[in-house]
Amino acid sequence: HSHDAFSLIPQTPAQYDWLKRYCGTTYNVVIIHSVDK
């Protein structure tokens, strides 16, 4: 339960369901790597 909408790309069905319910998208997550990576 340590994840939040600004750091979670779903890795389990429960995380997916939670993020879908609260945000509906993965766009809030900033990834500290390049697009190419």
PDB file of all heavy atoms in Angstrom:
ATOM      1  N   HIS A   1       0.829  -1.199   0.000  1.00  0.00           N
ATOM      2  CA  HIS A   1       0.000   0.000   0.000  1.00  0.00           C
ATOM      3  C   HIS A   1       0.869   1.257   0.000  1.00  0.00           C
ATOM      4  O   HIS A   1       0.406   2.341   0.315  1.00  0.00           O
ATOM      5  CB  HIS A   1      -0.938   0.006   1.211  1.00  0.00           C
ATOM      6  CG  HIS A   1      -1.935  -1.105   1.155  1.00  0.00           C
ATOM      7  ND1 HIS A   1      -3.026  -1.092   0.336  1.00  0.00           N
ATOM      8  CD2 HIS A   1      -1.961  -2.297   1.793  1.00  0.00           C
ATOM      9  CE1 HIS A   1      -3.714  -2.206   0.473  1.00  0.00           C
ATOM     10  NE2 HIS A   1      -3.081  -2.959   1.350  1.00  0.00           N
ATOM     11  N   SER A   2       2.137   1.099  -0.368  1.00  0.00           N
ATOM     12  CA  SER A   2       3.047   2.239  -0.347  1.00  0.00           C
ATOM     13  C   SER A   2       3.062   3.002  -1.673  1.00  0.00           C
ATOM     14  O   SER A   2       3.743   3.996  -1.791  1.00  0.00           O
ATOM     15  CB  SER A   2       4.462   1.767  -0.022  1.00  0.00           C
ATOM     16  OG  SER A   2       4.899   0.854  -1.006  1.00  0.00           O
ATOM     17  N   HIS A   3       2.295   2.558  -2.659  1.00  0.00           N
ATOM     18  CA  HIS A   3       2.292   3.241  -3.944  1.00  0.00           C
ATOM     19  C   HIS A   3       1.321   4.432  -3.939  1.00  0.00           C
ATOM     20  O   HIS A   3       0.493   4.552  -3.066  1.00  0.00           O
ATOM     21  CB  HIS A   3       1.901   2.272  -5.068  1.00  0.00           C
ATOM     22  CG  HIS A   3       0.588   1.604  -4.850  1.00  0.00           C
ATOM     23  ND1 HIS A   3       0.492   0.377  -4.257  1.00  0.00           N
ATOM     24  CD2 HIS A   3      -0.671   1.984  -5.124  1.00  0.00           C
ATOM     25  CE1 HIS A   3      -0.784   0.037  -4.188  1.00  0.00           C
ATOM     26  NE2 HIS A   3      -1.509   0.996  -4.702  1.00  0.00           N
ATOM     27  N   ASP A   4       1.508   5.295  -4.926  1.00  0.00           N
ATOM     28  CA  ASP A   4       0.579   6.403  -5.129  1.00  0.00           C
ATOM     29  C   ASP A   4       0.440   6.637  -6.631  1.00  0.00           C
ATOM     30  O   ASP A   4       1.138   6.032  -7.433  1.00  0.00           O
ATOM     31  CB  ASP A   4       1.023   7.662  -4.391  1.00  0.00           C
ATOM     32  CG  ASP A   4       2.357   8.189  -4.853  1.00  0.00           C
ATOM     33  OD1 ASP A   4       2.636   8.163  -6.069  1.00  0.00           O
ATOM     34  OD2 ASP A   4       3.128   8.642  -4.004  1.00  0.00           O
ATOM     35  N   ALA A   5      -0.445   7.514  -7.008  1.00  0.00           N
ATOM     36  CA  ALA A   5      -0.752   7.736  -8.421  1.00  0.00           C
ATOM     37  C   ALA A   5       0.390   8.392  -9.180  1.00  0.00           C
ATOM     38  O   ALA A   5       0.375   8.439 -10.402  1.00  0.00           O
ATOM     39  CB  ALA A   5      -2.005   8.593  -8.535  1.00  0.00           C
ATOM     40  N   PHE A   6       1.402   8.901  -8.470  1.00  0.00           N
ATOM     41  CA  PHE A   6       2.515   9.574  -9.126  1.00  0.00           C
ATOM     42  C   PHE A   6       3.744   8.694  -9.273  1.00  0.00           C
ATOM     43  O   PHE A   6       4.772   9.143  -9.766  1.00  0.00           O
ATOM     44  CB  PHE A   6       2.866  10.859  -8.379  1.00  0.00           C
ATOM     45  CG  PHE A   6       1.704  11.803  -8.337  1.00  0.00           C
ATOM     46  CD1 PHE A   6       0.945  11.939  -7.195  1.00  0.00           C
ATOM     47  CD2 PHE A   6       1.334  12.518  -9.462  1.00  0.00           C
ATOM     48  CE1 PHE A   6      -0.154  12.786  -7.162  1.00  0.00           C
ATOM     49  CE2 PHE A   6       0.235  13.361  -9.446  1.00  0.00           C
ATOM     50  CZ  PHE A   6      -0.503  13.497  -8.291  1.00  0.00           C
ATOM     51  N   SER A   7       3.652   7.433  -8.844  1.00  0.00           N
ATOM     52  CA  SER A   7       4.805   6.538  -8.972  1.00  0.00           C
ATOM     53  C   SER A   7       4.439   5.133  -9.434  1.00  0.00           C
ATOM     54  O   SER A   7       5.308   4.297  -9.564  1.00  0.00           O
ATOM     55  CB  SER A   7       5.537   6.445  -7.629  1.00  0.00           C
ATOM     56  OG  SER A   7       4.702   5.825  -6.657  1.00  0.00           O
ATOM     57  N   LEU A   8       3.173   4.876  -9.699  1.00  0.00           N
ATOM     58  CA  LEU A   8       2.738   3.508  -9.960  1.00  0.00           C
ATOM     59  C   LEU A   8       2.451   3.240 -11.440  1.00  0.00           C
ATOM     60  O   LEU A   8       1.595   3.869 -12.043  1.00  0.00           O
ATOM     61  CB  LEU A   8       1.473   3.205  -9.156  1.00  0.00           C
ATOM     62  CG  LEU A   8       0.866   1.815  -9.361  1.00  0.00           C
ATOM     63  CD1 LEU A   8       1.811   0.735  -8.857  1.00  0.00           C
ATOM     64  CD2 LEU A   8      -0.471   1.713  -8.666  1.00  0.00           C
ATOM     65  N   ILE A   9       3.205   2.308 -12.011  1.00  0.00           N
ATOM     66  CA  ILE A   9       2.838   1.641 -13.255  1.00  0.00           C
ATOM     67  C   ILE A   9       2.426   0.250 -12.784  1.00  0.00           C
ATOM     68  O   ILE A   9       3.227  -0.452 -12.175  1.00  0.00           O
ATOM     69  CB  ILE A   9       4.019   1.559 -14.246  1.00  0.00           C
ATOM     70  CG1 ILE A   9       4.550   2.937 -14.592  1.00  0.00           C
ATOM     71  CG2 ILE A   9       3.609   0.788 -15.496  1.00  0.00           C
ATOM     72  CD1 ILE A   9       3.631   3.808 -15.429  1.00  0.00           C
ATOM     73  N   PRO A  10       1.186  -0.155 -12.980  1.00  0.00           N
ATOM     74  CA  PRO A  10       0.666  -1.382 -12.359  1.00  0.00           C
ATOM     75  C   PRO A  10       1.494  -2.632 -12.649  1.00  0.00           C
ATOM     76  O   PRO A  10       1.918  -2.860 -13.775  1.00  0.00           O
ATOM     77  CB  PRO A  10      -0.726  -1.529 -12.970  1.00  0.00           C
ATOM     78  CG  PRO A  10      -1.094  -0.181 -13.451  1.00  0.00           C
ATOM     79  CD  PRO A  10       0.188   0.488 -13.829  1.00  0.00           C
ATOM     80  N   GLN A  11       1.720  -3.424 -11.578  1.00  0.00           N
ATOM     81  CA  GLN A  11       2.468  -4.665 -11.680  1.00  0.00           C
ATOM     82  C   GLN A  11       1.664  -5.853 -11.177  1.00  0.00           C
ATOM     83  O   GLN A  11       2.104  -6.993 -11.288  1.00  0.00           O
ATOM     84  CB  GLN A  11       3.784  -4.532 -10.904  1.00  0.00           C
ATOM     85  CG  GLN A  11       4.666  -3.442 -11.477  1.00  0.00           C
ATOM     86  CD  GLN A  11       5.607  -2.855 -10.461  1.00  0.00           C
ATOM     87  OE1 GLN A  11       6.086  -3.555  -9.581  1.00  0.00           O
ATOM     88  NE2 GLN A  11       5.883  -1.567 -10.579  1.00  0.00           N
ATOM     89  N   THR A  12       0.484  -5.587 -10.627  1.00  0.00           N
ATOM     90  CA  THR A  12      -0.416  -6.648 -10.179  1.00  0.00           C
ATOM     91  C   THR A  12      -1.847  -6.236 -10.548  1.00  0.00           C
ATOM     92  O   THR A  12      -2.114  -5.048 -10.760  1.00  0.00           O
ATOM     93  CB  THR A  12      -0.359  -6.863  -8.653  1.00  0.00           C
ATOM     94  OG1 THR A  12      -0.869  -5.698  -8.007  1.00  0.00           O
ATOM     95  CG2 THR A  12       1.057  -7.146  -8.160  1.00  0.00           C
ATOM     96  N   PRO A  13      -2.766  -7.193 -10.611  1.00  0.00           N
ATOM     97  CA  PRO A  13      -4.162  -6.828 -10.902  1.00  0.00           C
ATOM     98  C   PRO A  13      -4.751  -5.850  -9.883  1.00  0.00           C
ATOM     99  O   PRO A  13      -5.504  -4.948 -10.256  1.00  0.00           O
ATOM    100  CB  PRO A  13      -4.888  -8.173 -10.872  1.00  0.00           C
ATOM    101  CG  PRO A  13      -3.840  -9.176 -11.237  1.00  0.00           C
ATOM    102  CD  PRO A  13      -2.570  -8.650 -10.616  1.00  0.00           C
ATOM    103  N   ALA A  14      -4.398  -6.002  -8.611  1.00  0.00           N
ATOM    104  CA  ALA A  14      -4.926  -5.092  -7.590  1.00  0.00           C
ATOM    105  C   ALA A  14      -4.420  -3.664  -7.805  1.00  0.00           C
ATOM    106  O   ALA A  14      -5.174  -2.704  -7.660  1.00  0.00           O
ATOM    107  CB  ALA A  14      -4.548  -5.584  -6.201  1.00  0.00           C
ATOM    108  N   GLN A  15      -3.148  -3.516  -8.159  1.00  0.00           N
ATOM    109  CA  GLN A  15      -2.596  -2.191  -8.434  1.00  0.00           C
ATOM    110  C   GLN A  15      -3.264  -1.585  -9.660  1.00  0.00           C
ATOM    111  O   GLN A  15      -3.567  -0.393  -9.688  1.00  0.00           O
ATOM    112  CB  GLN A  15      -1.083  -2.275  -8.644  1.00  0.00           C
ATOM    113  CG  GLN A  15      -0.325  -2.617  -7.393  1.00  0.00           C
ATOM    114  CD  GLN A  15       1.141  -2.887  -7.665  1.00  0.00           C
ATOM    115  OE1 GLN A  15       1.582  -2.983  -8.809  1.00  0.00           O
ATOM    116  NE2 GLN A  15       1.907  -3.032  -6.601  1.00  0.00           N
ATOM    117  N   TYR A  16      -3.505  -2.381 -10.680  1.00  0.00           N
ATOM    118  CA  TYR A  16      -4.193  -1.908 -11.880  1.00  0.00           C
ATOM    119  C   TYR A  16      -5.588  -1.390 -11.519  1.00  0.00           C
ATOM    120  O   TYR A  16      -5.970  -0.294 -11.914  1.00  0.00           O
ATOM    121  CB  TYR A  16      -4.298  -3.038 -12.908  1.00  0.00           C
ATOM    122  CG  TYR A  16      -5.052  -2.646 -14.152  1.00  0.00           C
ATOM    123  CD1 TYR A  16      -4.385  -2.166 -15.269  1.00  0.00           C
ATOM    124  CD2 TYR A  16      -6.444  -2.733 -14.217  1.00  0.00           C
ATOM    125  CE1 TYR A  16      -5.071  -1.791 -16.417  1.00  0.00           C
ATOM    126  CE2 TYR A  16      -7.142  -2.353 -15.353  1.00  0.00           C
ATOM    127  CZ  TYR A  16      -6.452  -1.886 -16.441  1.00  0.00           C
ATOM    128  OH  TYR A  16      -7.135  -1.502 -17.567  1.00  0.00           O
ATOM    129  N   ASP A  17      -6.339  -2.190 -10.756  1.00  0.00           N
ATOM    130  CA  ASP A  17      -7.700  -1.800 -10.380  1.00  0.00           C
ATOM    131  C   ASP A  17      -7.707  -0.518  -9.560  1.00  0.00           C
ATOM    132  O   ASP A  17      -8.552   0.356  -9.747  1.00  0.00           O
ATOM    133  CB  ASP A  17      -8.387  -2.935  -9.603  1.00  0.00           C
ATOM    134  CG  ASP A  17      -8.637  -4.159 -10.472  1.00  0.00           C
ATOM    135  OD1 ASP A  17      -8.663  -4.031 -11.717  1.00  0.00           O
ATOM    136  OD2 ASP A  17      -8.794  -5.252  -9.900  1.00  0.00           O
ATOM    137  N   TRP A  18      -6.747  -0.387  -8.640  1.00  0.00           N
ATOM    138  CA  TRP A  18      -6.655   0.810  -7.811  1.00  0.00           C
ATOM    139  C   TRP A  18      -6.373   2.039  -8.678  1.00  0.00           C
ATOM    140  O   TRP A  18      -7.040   3.071  -8.554  1.00  0.00           O
ATOM    141  CB  TRP A  18      -5.561   0.640  -6.760  1.00  0.00           C
ATOM    142  CG  TRP A  18      -5.414   1.823  -5.867  1.00  0.00           C
ATOM    143  CD1 TRP A  18      -6.107   2.083  -4.727  1.00  0.00           C
ATOM    144  CD2 TRP A  18      -4.526   2.940  -6.062  1.00  0.00           C
ATOM    145  NE1 TRP A  18      -5.709   3.291  -4.204  1.00  0.00           N
ATOM    146  CE2 TRP A  18      -4.746   3.832  -4.993  1.00  0.00           C
ATOM    147  CE3 TRP A  18      -3.577   3.257  -7.029  1.00  0.00           C
ATOM    148  CZ2 TRP A  18      -4.040   5.023  -4.871  1.00  0.00           C
ATOM    149  CZ3 TRP A  18      -2.882   4.445  -6.902  1.00  0.00           C
ATOM    150  CH2 TRP A  18      -3.111   5.315  -5.827  1.00  0.00           C
ATOM    151  N   LEU A  19      -5.373   1.942  -9.568  1.00  0.00           N
ATOM    152  CA  LEU A  19      -5.012   3.087 -10.403  1.00  0.00           C
ATOM    153  C   LEU A  19      -6.137   3.436 -11.371  1.00  0.00           C
ATOM    154  O   LEU A  19      -6.414   4.615 -11.609  1.00  0.00           O
ATOM    155  CB  LEU A  19      -3.720   2.792 -11.177  1.00  0.00           C
ATOM    156  CG  LEU A  19      -3.077   3.995 -11.863  1.00  0.00           C
ATOM    157  CD1 LEU A  19      -2.660   5.048 -10.837  1.00  0.00           C
ATOM    158  CD2 LEU A  19      -1.889   3.575 -12.690  1.00  0.00           C
ATOM    159  N   LYS A  20      -6.816   2.442 -11.895  1.00  0.00           N
ATOM    160  CA  LYS A  20      -7.950   2.690 -12.792  1.00  0.00           C
ATOM    161  C   LYS A  20      -9.051   3.447 -12.061  1.00  0.00           C
ATOM    162  O   LYS A  20      -9.624   4.395 -12.587  1.00  0.00           O
ATOM    163  CB  LYS A  20      -8.486   1.369 -13.330  1.00  0.00           C
ATOM    164  CG  LYS A  20      -9.666   1.551 -14.241  1.00  0.00           C
ATOM    165  CD  LYS A  20     -10.188   0.214 -14.707  1.00  0.00           C
ATOM    166  CE  LYS A  20     -11.477   0.412 -15.467  1.00  0.00           C
ATOM    167  NZ  LYS A  20     -12.104  -0.845 -15.802  1.00  0.00           N
ATOM    168  N   ARG A  21      -9.322   3.041 -10.827  1.00  0.00           N
ATOM    169  CA  ARG A  21     -10.390   3.674 -10.044  1.00  0.00           C
ATOM    170  C   ARG A  21     -10.050   5.116  -9.699  1.00  0.00           C
ATOM    171  O   ARG A  21     -10.886   6.006  -9.770  1.00  0.00           O
ATOM    172  CB  ARG A  21     -10.640   2.857  -8.777  1.00  0.00           C
ATOM    173  CG  ARG A  21     -11.771   3.361  -7.926  1.00  0.00           C
ATOM    174  CD  ARG A  21     -12.085   2.449  -6.744  1.00  0.00           C
ATOM    175  NE  ARG A  21     -10.900   1.958  -6.074  1.00  0.00           N
ATOM    176  CZ  ARG A  21     -10.581   0.657  -5.936  1.00  0.00           C
ATOM    177  NH1 ARG A  21     -11.352  -0.276  -6.419  1.00  0.00           N
ATOM    178  NH2 ARG A  21      -9.484   0.296  -5.314  1.00  0.00           N
ATOM    179  N   TYR A  22      -8.796   5.408  -9.337  1.00  0.00           N
ATOM    180  CA  TYR A  22      -8.431   6.743  -8.868  1.00  0.00           C
ATOM    181  C   TYR A  22      -7.948   7.693  -9.957  1.00  0.00           C
ATOM    182  O   TYR A  22      -8.078   8.906  -9.815  1.00  0.00           O
ATOM    183  CB  TYR A  22      -7.400   6.658  -7.746  1.00  0.00           C
ATOM    184  CG  TYR A  22      -8.020   6.174  -6.474  1.00  0.00           C
ATOM    185  CD1 TYR A  22      -7.905   4.849  -6.076  1.00  0.00           C
ATOM    186  CD2 TYR A  22      -8.794   7.009  -5.691  1.00  0.00           C
ATOM    187  CE1 TYR A  22      -8.508   4.395  -4.926  1.00  0.00           C
ATOM    188  CE2 TYR A  22      -9.413   6.568  -4.546  1.00  0.00           C
ATOM    189  CZ  TYR A  22      -9.257   5.252  -4.164  1.00  0.00           C
ATOM    190  OH  TYR A  22      -9.873   4.804  -3.030  1.00  0.00           O
ATOM    191  N   CYS A  23      -7.364   7.173 -11.035  1.00  0.00           N
ATOM    192  CA  CYS A  23      -6.816   8.066 -12.064  1.00  0.00           C
ATOM    193  C   CYS A  23      -7.309   7.748 -13.466  1.00  0.00           C
ATOM    194  O   CYS A  23      -7.529   8.655 -14.249  1.00  0.00           O
ATOM    195  CB  CYS A  23      -5.295   7.983 -12.074  1.00  0.00           C
ATOM    196  SG  CYS A  23      -4.565   8.558 -10.557  1.00  0.00           S
ATOM    197  N   GLY A  24      -7.383   6.487 -13.784  1.00  0.00           N
ATOM    198  CA  GLY A  24      -7.799   6.086 -15.116  1.00  0.00           C
ATOM    199  C   GLY A  24      -6.705   6.134 -16.162  1.00  0.00           C
ATOM    200  O   GLY A  24      -6.908   5.813 -17.315  1.00  0.00           O
ATOM    201  N   THR A  25      -5.489   6.533 -15.754  1.00  0.00           N
ATOM    202  CA  THR A  25      -4.375   6.651 -16.693  1.00  0.00           C
ATOM    203  C   THR A  25      -3.049   6.486 -15.950  1.00  0.00           C
ATOM    204  O   THR A  25      -2.985   6.643 -14.737  1.00  0.00           O
ATOM    205  CB  THR A  25      -4.404   8.016 -17.411  1.00  0.00           C
ATOM    206  OG1 THR A  25      -3.337   8.054 -18.359  1.00  0.00           O
ATOM    207  CG2 THR A  25      -4.289   9.175 -16.455  1.00  0.00           C
ATOM    208  N   THR A  26      -1.988   6.203 -16.729  1.00  0.00           N
ATOM    209  CA  THR A  26      -0.647   6.134 -16.145  1.00  0.00           C
ATOM    210  C   THR A  26       0.108   7.446 -16.364  1.00  0.00           C
ATOM    211  O   THR A  26       1.270   7.554 -16.003  1.00  0.00           O
ATOM    212  CB  THR A  26       0.166   4.995 -16.789  1.00  0.00           C
ATOM    213  OG1 THR A  26       0.275   5.245 -18.195  1.00  0.00           O
ATOM    214  CG2 THR A  26      -0.473   3.645 -16.547  1.00  0.00           C
ATOM    215  N   TYR A  27      -0.528   8.447 -16.942  1.00  0.00           N
ATOM    216  CA  TYR A  27       0.159   9.672 -17.353  1.00  0.00           C
ATOM    217  C   TYR A  27       0.734  10.487 -16.187  1.00  0.00           C
ATOM    218  O   TYR A  27       1.629  11.298 -16.389  1.00  0.00           O
ATOM    219  CB  TYR A  27      -0.778  10.552 -18.194  1.00  0.00           C
ATOM    220  CG  TYR A  27      -0.053  11.690 -18.863  1.00  0.00           C
ATOM    221  CD1 TYR A  27       0.818  11.446 -19.913  1.00  0.00           C
ATOM    222  CD2 TYR A  27      -0.212  12.997 -18.433  1.00  0.00           C
ATOM    223  CE1 TYR A  27       1.504  12.475 -20.527  1.00  0.00           C
ATOM    224  CE2 TYR A  27       0.469  14.036 -19.045  1.00  0.00           C
ATOM    225  CZ  TYR A  27       1.323  13.765 -20.093  1.00  0.00           C
ATOM    226  OH  TYR A  27       2.013  14.782 -20.703  1.00  0.00           O
ATOM    227  N   ASN A  28       0.257  10.299 -14.992  1.00  0.00           N
ATOM    228  CA  ASN A  28       0.750  11.078 -13.849  1.00  0.00           C
ATOM    229  C   ASN A  28       2.158  10.681 -13.418  1.00  0.00           C
ATOM    230  O   ASN A  28       2.800  11.399 -12.674  1.00  0.00           O
ATOM    231  CB  ASN A  28      -0.191  10.913 -12.652  1.00  0.00           C
ATOM    232  CG  ASN A  28      -1.552  11.477 -12.936  1.00  0.00           C
ATOM    233  OD1 ASN A  28      -1.687  12.516 -13.554  1.00  0.00           O
ATOM    234  ND2 ASN A  28      -2.586  10.781 -12.491  1.00  0.00           N
ATOM    235  N   VAL A  29       2.630   9.541 -13.864  1.00  0.00           N
ATOM    236  CA  VAL A  29       3.924   9.012 -13.423  1.00  0.00           C
ATOM    237  C   VAL A  29       5.050   9.584 -14.277  1.00  0.00           C
ATOM    238  O   VAL A  29       5.084   9.384 -15.485  1.00  0.00           O
ATOM    239  CB  VAL A  29       3.948   7.464 -13.508  1.00  0.00           C
ATOM    240  CG1 VAL A  29       5.277   6.923 -13.021  1.00  0.00           C
ATOM    241  CG2 VAL A  29       2.800   6.876 -12.706  1.00  0.00           C
ATOM    242  N   VAL A  30       5.985  10.287 -13.635  1.00  0.00           N
ATOM    243  CA  VAL A  30       7.176  10.778 -14.319  1.00  0.00           C
ATOM    244  C   VAL A  30       8.270   9.737 -14.104  1.00  0.00           C
ATOM    245  O   VAL A  30       8.578   9.359 -12.984  1.00  0.00           O
ATOM    246  CB  VAL A  30       7.627  12.149 -13.779  1.00  0.00           C
ATOM    247  CG1 VAL A  30       8.942  12.564 -14.402  1.00  0.00           C
ATOM    248  CG2 VAL A  30       6.560  13.194 -14.027  1.00  0.00           C
ATOM    249  N   ILE A  31       8.848   9.272 -15.209  1.00  0.00           N
ATOM    250  CA  ILE A  31       9.901   8.259 -15.152  1.00  0.00           C
ATOM    251  C   ILE A  31      11.223   8.960 -15.403  1.00  0.00           C
ATOM    252  O   ILE A  31      11.366   9.693 -16.387  1.00  0.00           O
ATOM    253  CB  ILE A  31       9.632   7.165 -16.203  1.00  0.00           C
ATOM    254  CG1 ILE A  31       8.277   6.518 -15.897  1.00  0.00           C
ATOM    255  CG2 ILE A  31      10.745   6.134 -16.206  1.00  0.00           C
ATOM    256  CD1 ILE A  31       7.790   5.574 -16.944  1.00  0.00           C
ATOM    257  N   ILE A  32      12.196   8.711 -14.538  1.00  0.00           N
ATOM    258  CA  ILE A  32      13.457   9.444 -14.610  1.00  0.00           C
ATOM    259  C   ILE A  32      14.457   8.794 -15.572  1.00  0.00           C
ATOM    260  O   ILE A  32      15.647   8.735 -15.306  1.00  0.00           O
ATOM    261  CB  ILE A  32      14.081   9.643 -13.214  1.00  0.00           C
ATOM    262  CG1 ILE A  32      14.292   8.309 -12.533  1.00  0.00           C
ATOM    263  CG2 ILE A  32      13.213  10.543 -12.369  1.00  0.00           C
ATOM    264  CD1 ILE A  32      15.109   8.390 -11.260  1.00  0.00           C
ATOM    265  N   HIS A  33      13.952   8.355 -16.685  1.00  0.00           N
ATOM    266  CA  HIS A  33      14.780   7.795 -17.752  1.00  0.00           C
ATOM    267  C   HIS A  33      14.296   8.376 -19.078  1.00  0.00           C
ATOM    268  O   HIS A  33      13.205   8.923 -19.165  1.00  0.00           O
ATOM    269  CB  HIS A  33      14.685   6.263 -17.773  1.00  0.00           C
ATOM    270  CG  HIS A  33      15.219   5.628 -16.539  1.00  0.00           C
ATOM    271  ND1 HIS A  33      16.565   5.447 -16.313  1.00  0.00           N
ATOM    272  CD2 HIS A  33      14.588   5.157 -15.439  1.00  0.00           C
ATOM    273  CE1 HIS A  33      16.738   4.880 -15.131  1.00  0.00           C
ATOM    274  NE2 HIS A  33      15.551   4.698 -14.584  1.00  0.00           N
ATOM    275  N   SER A  34      15.110   8.217 -20.111  1.00  0.00           N
ATOM    276  CA  SER A  34      14.753   8.770 -21.421  1.00  0.00           C
ATOM    277  C   SER A  34      13.733   7.890 -22.137  1.00  0.00           C
ATOM    278  O   SER A  34      13.555   6.716 -21.806  1.00  0.00           O
ATOM    279  CB  SER A  34      16.009   8.896 -22.288  1.00  0.00           C
ATOM    280  OG  SER A  34      16.480   7.606 -22.637  1.00  0.00           O
ATOM    281  N   VAL A  35      13.107   8.478 -23.132  1.00  0.00           N
ATOM    282  CA  VAL A  35      12.153   7.754 -23.964  1.00  0.00           C
ATOM    283  C   VAL A  35      12.842   6.551 -24.611  1.00  0.00           C
ATOM    284  O   VAL A  35      12.306   5.445 -24.633  1.00  0.00           O
ATOM    285  CB  VAL A  35      11.554   8.679 -25.051  1.00  0.00           C
ATOM    286  CG1 VAL A  35      10.725   7.893 -26.045  1.00  0.00           C
ATOM    287  CG2 VAL A  35      10.730   9.787 -24.410  1.00  0.00           C
ATOM    288  N   ASP A  36      14.058   6.760 -25.107  1.00  0.00           N
ATOM    289  CA  ASP A  36      14.795   5.677 -25.772  1.00  0.00           C
ATOM    290  C   ASP A  36      15.056   4.502 -24.837  1.00  0.00           C
ATOM    291  O   ASP A  36      14.971   3.349 -25.244  1.00  0.00           O
ATOM    292  CB  ASP A  36      16.116   6.192 -26.333  1.00  0.00           C
ATOM    293  CG  ASP A  36      15.914   7.201 -27.455  1.00  0.00           C
ATOM    294  OD1 ASP A  36      14.861   7.137 -28.123  1.00  0.00           O
ATOM    295  OD2 ASP A  36      16.800   8.048 -27.654  1.00  0.00           O
ATOM    296  N   LYS A  37      15.371   4.799 -23.596  1.00  0.00           N
ATOM    297  CA  LYS A  37      15.634   3.733 -22.615  1.00  0.00           C
ATOM    298  C   LYS A  37      14.368   2.919 -22.362  1.00  0.00           C
ATOM    299  O   LYS A  37      14.413   1.682 -22.310  1.00  0.00           O
ATOM    300  CB  LYS A  37      16.148   4.359 -21.308  1.00  0.00           C
ATOM    301  CG  LYS A  37      16.507   3.369 -20.246  1.00  0.00           C
ATOM    302  CD  LYS A  37      17.826   2.723 -20.559  1.00  0.00           C
ATOM    303  CE  LYS A  37      18.261   1.918 -19.348  1.00  0.00           C
ATOM    304  NZ  LYS A  37      19.451   1.161 -19.607  1.00  0.00           N
TER     305      LYS A  37
END
